Amino acid sequence: MIGDSSADRRLQDNIRRIDEKLGFIQDLLSEKIDHLRSEVQGNDKRYAERFAAQEEANKYDQEKSNEFRGALDDVGKRQMPRTEAEAMFRSIAEKADLGISGNAAKIEALQARIDRNEGRSAMAYPALEKLMSDTASLTQSRSEGAGEKGGRLSQQQMMMMIVSLIVSLIVIGSVVVGIAYAIRR
């Protein structure tokens, strides 16, 4: 039995070594399982935080979308419908056309009055017509001179034309004032 006891001892030593190795493997597995559990718990926490942040972002986005839709709805309510706008523009165009035709009639009436008054002024100022014809004949007779005398006459002629122009402008101004006064009545 001596052989049995050494075999038992060897068997016992092998079992003890296997137990030690199993203990080491169990400790290693337990350590790995604890590490994986902590990783999973950390990931769960991060996922929960991400989900909460995403939910908050979605809620904010939804609020902004609702505000934008509300603003668009307000704009739509404040805008004039197309048919109403077209009717308003048609009415404005008709009023403008009536105003234009009314103004055209008034302009024609004023033009007729001015034409009548110009005819009166020509009859009322025969002296003016005489002065203008005398100026024209004097200009013509002076322009027939020649040489140095003609040059001097040309200067005299220029002076006469300036004087006649000034007199004509005064007469025309008084006619315009008379017409304006007649129109105001």
C-alpha atoms as a PDB file:
ATOM      1  CA  MET A   1       0.000   0.000   0.000  1.00  0.00           C
ATOM      2  CA  ILE A   2       2.899   2.102   0.103  1.00  0.00           C
ATOM      3  CA  GLY A   3       2.438   2.625  -3.618  1.00  0.00           C
ATOM      4  CA  ASP A   4      -1.118   3.587  -2.927  1.00  0.00           C
ATOM      5  CA  SER A   5      -0.176   6.295  -0.526  1.00  0.00           C
ATOM      6  CA  SER A   6       2.284   7.875  -2.909  1.00  0.00           C
ATOM      7  CA  ALA A   7      -0.343   7.683  -5.641  1.00  0.00           C
ATOM      8  CA  ASP A   8      -2.810   9.218  -3.199  1.00  0.00           C
ATOM      9  CA  ARG A   9      -0.385  11.927  -2.387  1.00  0.00           C
ATOM     10  CA  ARG A  10       0.282  12.624  -6.011  1.00  0.00           C
ATOM     11  CA  LEU A  11      -3.402  12.590  -6.648  1.00  0.00           C
ATOM     12  CA  GLN A  12      -3.916  14.904  -3.717  1.00  0.00           C
ATOM     13  CA  ASP A  13      -1.159  17.201  -5.008  1.00  0.00           C
ATOM     14  CA  ASN A  14      -2.700  17.216  -8.480  1.00  0.00           C
ATOM     15  CA  ILE A  15      -6.153  17.959  -7.035  1.00  0.00           C
ATOM     16  CA  ARG A  16      -4.665  20.725  -4.904  1.00  0.00           C
ATOM     17  CA  ARG A  17      -2.898  22.222  -7.936  1.00  0.00           C
ATOM     18  CA  ILE A  18      -6.057  21.920 -10.005  1.00  0.00           C
ATOM     19  CA  ASP A  19      -8.021  23.549  -7.133  1.00  0.00           C
ATOM     20  CA  GLU A  20      -5.453  26.348  -7.041  1.00  0.00           C
ATOM     21  CA  LYS A  21      -5.695  26.816 -10.808  1.00  0.00           C
ATOM     22  CA  LEU A  22      -9.498  26.684 -10.637  1.00  0.00           C
ATOM     23  CA  GLY A  23      -9.431  29.227  -7.830  1.00  0.00           C
ATOM     24  CA  PHE A  24      -7.160  31.436  -9.914  1.00  0.00           C
ATOM     25  CA  ILE A  25      -9.462  31.014 -12.945  1.00  0.00           C
ATOM     26  CA  GLN A  26     -12.547  31.708 -10.768  1.00  0.00           C
ATOM     27  CA  ASP A  27     -10.900  34.870  -9.379  1.00  0.00           C
ATOM     28  CA  LEU A  28      -9.926  35.930 -12.892  1.00  0.00           C
ATOM     29  CA  LEU A  29     -13.447  35.252 -14.243  1.00  0.00           C
ATOM     30  CA  SER A  30     -15.021  36.999 -11.259  1.00  0.00           C
ATOM     31  CA  GLU A  31     -12.753  39.997 -11.857  1.00  0.00           C
ATOM     32  CA  LYS A  32     -13.621  40.022 -15.591  1.00  0.00           C
ATOM     33  CA  ILE A  33     -17.362  39.680 -14.837  1.00  0.00           C
ATOM     34  CA  ASP A  34     -17.173  42.586 -12.334  1.00  0.00           C
ATOM     35  CA  HIS A  35     -15.329  44.667 -14.923  1.00  0.00           C
ATOM     36  CA  LEU A  36     -17.933  43.842 -17.593  1.00  0.00           C
ATOM     37  CA  ARG A  37     -20.764  44.654 -15.150  1.00  0.00           C
ATOM     38  CA  SER A  38     -19.201  48.049 -14.385  1.00  0.00           C
ATOM     39  CA  GLU A  39     -18.753  48.685 -18.146  1.00  0.00           C
ATOM     40  CA  VAL A  40     -22.383  47.759 -18.831  1.00  0.00           C
ATOM     41  CA  GLN A  41     -23.589  49.949 -15.945  1.00  0.00           C
ATOM     42  CA  GLY A  42     -21.435  52.863 -17.243  1.00  0.00           C
ATOM     43  CA  ASN A  43     -22.797  52.362 -20.747  1.00  0.00           C
ATOM     44  CA  ASP A  44     -26.356  52.183 -19.411  1.00  0.00           C
ATOM     45  CA  LYS A  45     -25.801  55.448 -17.550  1.00  0.00           C
ATOM     46  CA  ARG A  46     -24.356  57.134 -20.671  1.00  0.00           C
ATOM     47  CA  TYR A  47     -27.179  55.784 -22.826  1.00  0.00           C
ATOM     48  CA  ALA A  48     -29.732  57.079 -20.325  1.00  0.00           C
ATOM     49  CA  GLU A  49     -28.044  60.514 -20.334  1.00  0.00           C
ATOM     50  CA  ARG A  50     -27.920  60.552 -24.145  1.00  0.00           C
ATOM     51  CA  PHE A  51     -31.544  59.518 -24.353  1.00  0.00           C
ATOM     52  CA  ALA A  52     -32.549  62.275 -21.913  1.00  0.00           C
ATOM     53  CA  ALA A  53     -30.514  64.851 -23.859  1.00  0.00           C
ATOM     54  CA  GLN A  54     -32.021  63.657 -27.140  1.00  0.00           C
ATOM     55  CA  GLU A  55     -35.518  63.842 -25.661  1.00  0.00           C
ATOM     56  CA  GLU A  56     -34.823  67.387 -24.462  1.00  0.00           C
ATOM     57  CA  ALA A  57     -33.463  68.374 -27.898  1.00  0.00           C
ATOM     58  CA  ASN A  58     -36.513  66.852 -29.591  1.00  0.00           C
ATOM     59  CA  LYS A  59     -38.787  68.715 -27.200  1.00  0.00           C
ATOM     60  CA  TYR A  60     -36.957  72.011 -27.930  1.00  0.00           C
ATOM     61  CA  ASP A  61     -37.114  71.322 -31.679  1.00  0.00           C
ATOM     62  CA  GLN A  62     -40.829  70.586 -31.430  1.00  0.00           C
ATOM     63  CA  GLU A  63     -41.432  73.842 -29.512  1.00  0.00           C
ATOM     64  CA  LYS A  64     -39.529  75.858 -32.124  1.00  0.00           C
ATOM     65  CA  SER A  65     -41.401  74.126 -34.938  1.00  0.00           C
ATOM     66  CA  ASN A  66     -44.701  74.945 -33.254  1.00  0.00           C
ATOM     67  CA  GLU A  67     -43.637  78.582 -32.811  1.00  0.00           C
ATOM     68  CA  PHE A  68     -42.669  78.760 -36.488  1.00  0.00           C
ATOM     69  CA  ARG A  69     -45.966  77.217 -37.568  1.00  0.00           C
ATOM     70  CA  GLY A  70     -47.797  79.693 -35.331  1.00  0.00           C
ATOM     71  CA  ALA A  71     -45.893  82.604 -36.870  1.00  0.00           C
ATOM     72  CA  LEU A  72     -46.693  81.359 -40.380  1.00  0.00           C
ATOM     73  CA  ASP A  73     -50.335  80.986 -39.383  1.00  0.00           C
ATOM     74  CA  ASP A  74     -50.364  84.570 -38.061  1.00  0.00           C
ATOM     75  CA  VAL A  75     -48.815  85.835 -41.309  1.00  0.00           C
ATOM     76  CA  GLY A  76     -51.380  83.888 -43.305  1.00  0.00           C
ATOM     77  CA  LYS A  77     -54.229  85.344 -41.265  1.00  0.00           C
ATOM     78  CA  ARG A  78     -52.946  88.897 -41.695  1.00  0.00           C
ATOM     79  CA  GLN A  79     -52.483  88.635 -45.456  1.00  0.00           C
ATOM     80  CA  MET A  80     -55.217  89.737 -47.780  1.00  0.00           C
ATOM     81  CA  PRO A  81     -56.802  87.033 -49.927  1.00  0.00           C
ATOM     82  CA  ARG A  82     -55.880  87.198 -53.616  1.00  0.00           C
ATOM     83  CA  THR A  83     -59.421  87.910 -54.815  1.00  0.00           C
ATOM     84  CA  GLU A  84     -59.782  90.780 -52.359  1.00  0.00           C
ATOM     85  CA  ALA A  85     -56.403  92.248 -53.394  1.00  0.00           C
ATOM     86  CA  GLU A  86     -57.270  91.988 -57.089  1.00  0.00           C
ATOM     87  CA  ALA A  87     -60.632  93.687 -56.467  1.00  0.00           C
ATOM     88  CA  MET A  88     -58.874  96.486 -54.548  1.00  0.00           C
ATOM     89  CA  PHE A  89     -56.312  97.002 -57.340  1.00  0.00           C
ATOM     90  CA  ARG A  90     -59.069  97.010 -59.971  1.00  0.00           C
ATOM     91  CA  SER A  91     -60.944  99.666 -57.977  1.00  0.00           C
ATOM     92  CA  ILE A  92     -57.810 101.802 -57.671  1.00  0.00           C
ATOM     93  CA  ALA A  93     -57.119 101.484 -61.409  1.00  0.00           C
ATOM     94  CA  GLU A  94     -60.707 102.491 -62.240  1.00  0.00           C
ATOM     95  CA  LYS A  95     -60.450 105.535 -59.958  1.00  0.00           C
ATOM     96  CA  ALA A  96     -57.151 106.499 -61.572  1.00  0.00           C
ATOM     97  CA  ASP A  97     -58.674 106.170 -65.045  1.00  0.00           C
ATOM     98  CA  LEU A  98     -61.627 108.340 -64.001  1.00  0.00           C
ATOM     99  CA  GLY A  99     -59.214 110.899 -62.552  1.00  0.00           C
ATOM    100  CA  ILE A 100     -57.173 110.933 -65.742  1.00  0.00           C
ATOM    101  CA  SER A 101     -60.200 111.388 -67.968  1.00  0.00           C
ATOM    102  CA  GLY A 102     -61.573 114.085 -65.633  1.00  0.00           C
ATOM    103  CA  ASN A 103     -58.232 115.873 -65.663  1.00  0.00           C
ATOM    104  CA  ALA A 104     -58.040 115.608 -69.444  1.00  0.00           C
ATOM    105  CA  ALA A 105     -61.432 117.324 -69.734  1.00  0.00           C
ATOM    106  CA  LYS A 106     -60.303 120.057 -67.325  1.00  0.00           C
ATOM    107  CA  ILE A 107     -57.061 120.537 -69.243  1.00  0.00           C
ATOM    108  CA  GLU A 108     -58.962 120.855 -72.515  1.00  0.00           C
ATOM    109  CA  ALA A 109     -61.300 123.442 -70.936  1.00  0.00           C
ATOM    110  CA  LEU A 110     -58.347 125.427 -69.606  1.00  0.00           C
ATOM    111  CA  GLN A 111     -56.610 125.241 -72.969  1.00  0.00           C
ATOM    112  CA  ALA A 112     -59.736 126.609 -74.660  1.00  0.00           C
ATOM    113  CA  ARG A 113     -59.893 129.461 -72.132  1.00  0.00           C
ATOM    114  CA  ILE A 114     -56.222 130.258 -72.708  1.00  0.00           C
ATOM    115  CA  ASP A 115     -56.761 130.270 -76.465  1.00  0.00           C
ATOM    116  CA  ARG A 116     -59.691 132.647 -76.089  1.00  0.00           C
ATOM    117  CA  ASN A 117     -57.705 134.921 -73.791  1.00  0.00           C
ATOM    118  CA  GLU A 118     -54.744 134.986 -76.199  1.00  0.00           C
ATOM    119  CA  GLY A 119     -57.083 136.182 -78.929  1.00  0.00           C
ATOM    120  CA  ARG A 120     -58.372 138.915 -76.633  1.00  0.00           C
ATOM    121  CA  SER A 121     -54.895 139.992 -75.643  1.00  0.00           C
ATOM    122  CA  ALA A 122     -53.875 140.411 -79.283  1.00  0.00           C
ATOM    123  CA  MET A 123     -56.891 142.652 -79.808  1.00  0.00           C
ATOM    124  CA  ALA A 124     -56.391 144.421 -76.494  1.00  0.00           C
ATOM    125  CA  TYR A 125     -52.808 145.346 -77.214  1.00  0.00           C
ATOM    126  CA  PRO A 126     -52.677 146.693 -80.795  1.00  0.00           C
ATOM    127  CA  ALA A 127     -49.864 149.006 -79.718  1.00  0.00           C
ATOM    128  CA  LEU A 128     -47.781 145.948 -78.927  1.00  0.00           C
ATOM    129  CA  GLU A 129     -48.339 144.557 -82.398  1.00  0.00           C
ATOM    130  CA  LYS A 130     -47.451 147.956 -83.909  1.00  0.00           C
ATOM    131  CA  LEU A 131     -44.279 148.071 -81.790  1.00  0.00           C
ATOM    132  CA  MET A 132     -43.275 144.586 -82.890  1.00  0.00           C
ATOM    133  CA  SER A 133     -43.870 145.351 -86.584  1.00  0.00           C
ATOM    134  CA  ASP A 134     -41.951 148.653 -86.296  1.00  0.00           C
ATOM    135  CA  THR A 135     -39.058 146.811 -84.650  1.00  0.00           C
ATOM    136  CA  ALA A 136     -39.011 144.229 -87.414  1.00  0.00           C
ATOM    137  CA  SER A 137     -39.063 146.876 -90.175  1.00  0.00           C
ATOM    138  CA  LEU A 138     -36.347 148.905 -88.427  1.00  0.00           C
ATOM    139  CA  THR A 139     -34.212 145.783 -88.141  1.00  0.00           C
ATOM    140  CA  GLN A 140     -34.673 145.057 -91.811  1.00  0.00           C
ATOM    141  CA  SER A 141     -33.877 148.607 -92.942  1.00  0.00           C
ATOM    142  CA  ARG A 142     -30.754 148.818 -90.779  1.00  0.00           C
ATOM    143  CA  SER A 143     -29.428 145.488 -91.974  1.00  0.00           C
ATOM    144  CA  GLU A 144     -29.271 146.843 -95.533  1.00  0.00           C
ATOM    145  CA  GLY A 145     -26.327 149.157 -94.666  1.00  0.00           C
ATOM    146  CA  ALA A 146     -22.769 148.171 -95.528  1.00  0.00           C
ATOM    147  CA  GLY A 147     -19.252 148.528 -94.149  1.00  0.00           C
ATOM    148  CA  GLU A 148     -18.471 150.539 -91.026  1.00  0.00           C
ATOM    149  CA  LYS A 149     -21.829 152.250 -91.012  1.00  0.00           C
ATOM    150  CA  GLY A 150     -23.479 148.866 -91.349  1.00  0.00           C
ATOM    151  CA  GLY A 151     -21.462 147.591 -88.370  1.00  0.00           C
ATOM    152  CA  ARG A 152     -22.635 150.500 -86.227  1.00  0.00           C
ATOM    153  CA  LEU A 153     -26.165 149.967 -87.376  1.00  0.00           C
ATOM    154  CA  SER A 154     -25.772 146.370 -86.437  1.00  0.00           C
ATOM    155  CA  GLN A 155     -24.942 147.448 -82.871  1.00  0.00           C
ATOM    156  CA  GLN A 156     -27.878 149.811 -82.867  1.00  0.00           C
ATOM    157  CA  GLN A 157     -30.007 147.053 -84.232  1.00  0.00           C
ATOM    158  CA  MET A 158     -28.875 144.775 -81.420  1.00  0.00           C
ATOM    159  CA  MET A 159     -29.796 147.397 -78.828  1.00  0.00           C
ATOM    160  CA  MET A 160     -33.221 147.843 -80.399  1.00  0.00           C
ATOM    161  CA  MET A 161     -33.769 144.102 -80.373  1.00  0.00           C
ATOM    162  CA  ILE A 162     -32.826 143.875 -76.706  1.00  0.00           C
ATOM    163  CA  VAL A 163     -35.173 146.744 -75.841  1.00  0.00           C
ATOM    164  CA  SER A 164     -37.977 145.193 -77.890  1.00  0.00           C
ATOM    165  CA  LEU A 165     -37.330 141.808 -76.238  1.00  0.00           C
ATOM    166  CA  ILE A 166     -37.566 143.342 -72.768  1.00  0.00           C
ATOM    167  CA  VAL A 167     -40.785 145.153 -73.673  1.00  0.00           C
ATOM    168  CA  SER A 168     -42.172 141.937 -75.181  1.00  0.00           C
ATOM    169  CA  LEU A 169     -41.329 139.950 -72.027  1.00  0.00           C
ATOM    170  CA  ILE A 170     -43.050 142.559 -69.861  1.00  0.00           C
ATOM    171  CA  VAL A 171     -46.146 142.418 -72.044  1.00  0.00           C
ATOM    172  CA  ILE A 172     -46.171 138.595 -72.083  1.00  0.00           C
ATOM    173  CA  GLY A 173     -45.766 138.542 -68.297  1.00  0.00           C
ATOM    174  CA  SER A 174     -48.717 140.871 -67.851  1.00  0.00           C
ATOM    175  CA  VAL A 175     -50.789 138.704 -70.227  1.00  0.00           C
ATOM    176  CA  VAL A 176     -49.929 135.573 -68.204  1.00  0.00           C
ATOM    177  CA  VAL A 177     -50.875 137.351 -64.983  1.00  0.00           C
ATOM    178  CA  GLY A 178     -54.133 138.463 -66.574  1.00  0.00           C
ATOM    179  CA  ILE A 179     -54.895 134.916 -67.696  1.00  0.00           C
ATOM    180  CA  ALA A 180     -54.080 133.503 -64.271  1.00  0.00           C
ATOM    181  CA  TYR A 181     -56.336 136.093 -62.677  1.00  0.00           C
ATOM    182  CA  ALA A 182     -59.123 135.248 -65.140  1.00  0.00           C
ATOM    183  CA  ILE A 183     -58.747 131.511 -64.461  1.00  0.00           C
ATOM    184  CA  ARG A 184     -58.955 131.993 -60.701  1.00  0.00           C
ATOM    185  CA  ARG A 185     -62.339 133.727 -61.028  1.00  0.00           C
END
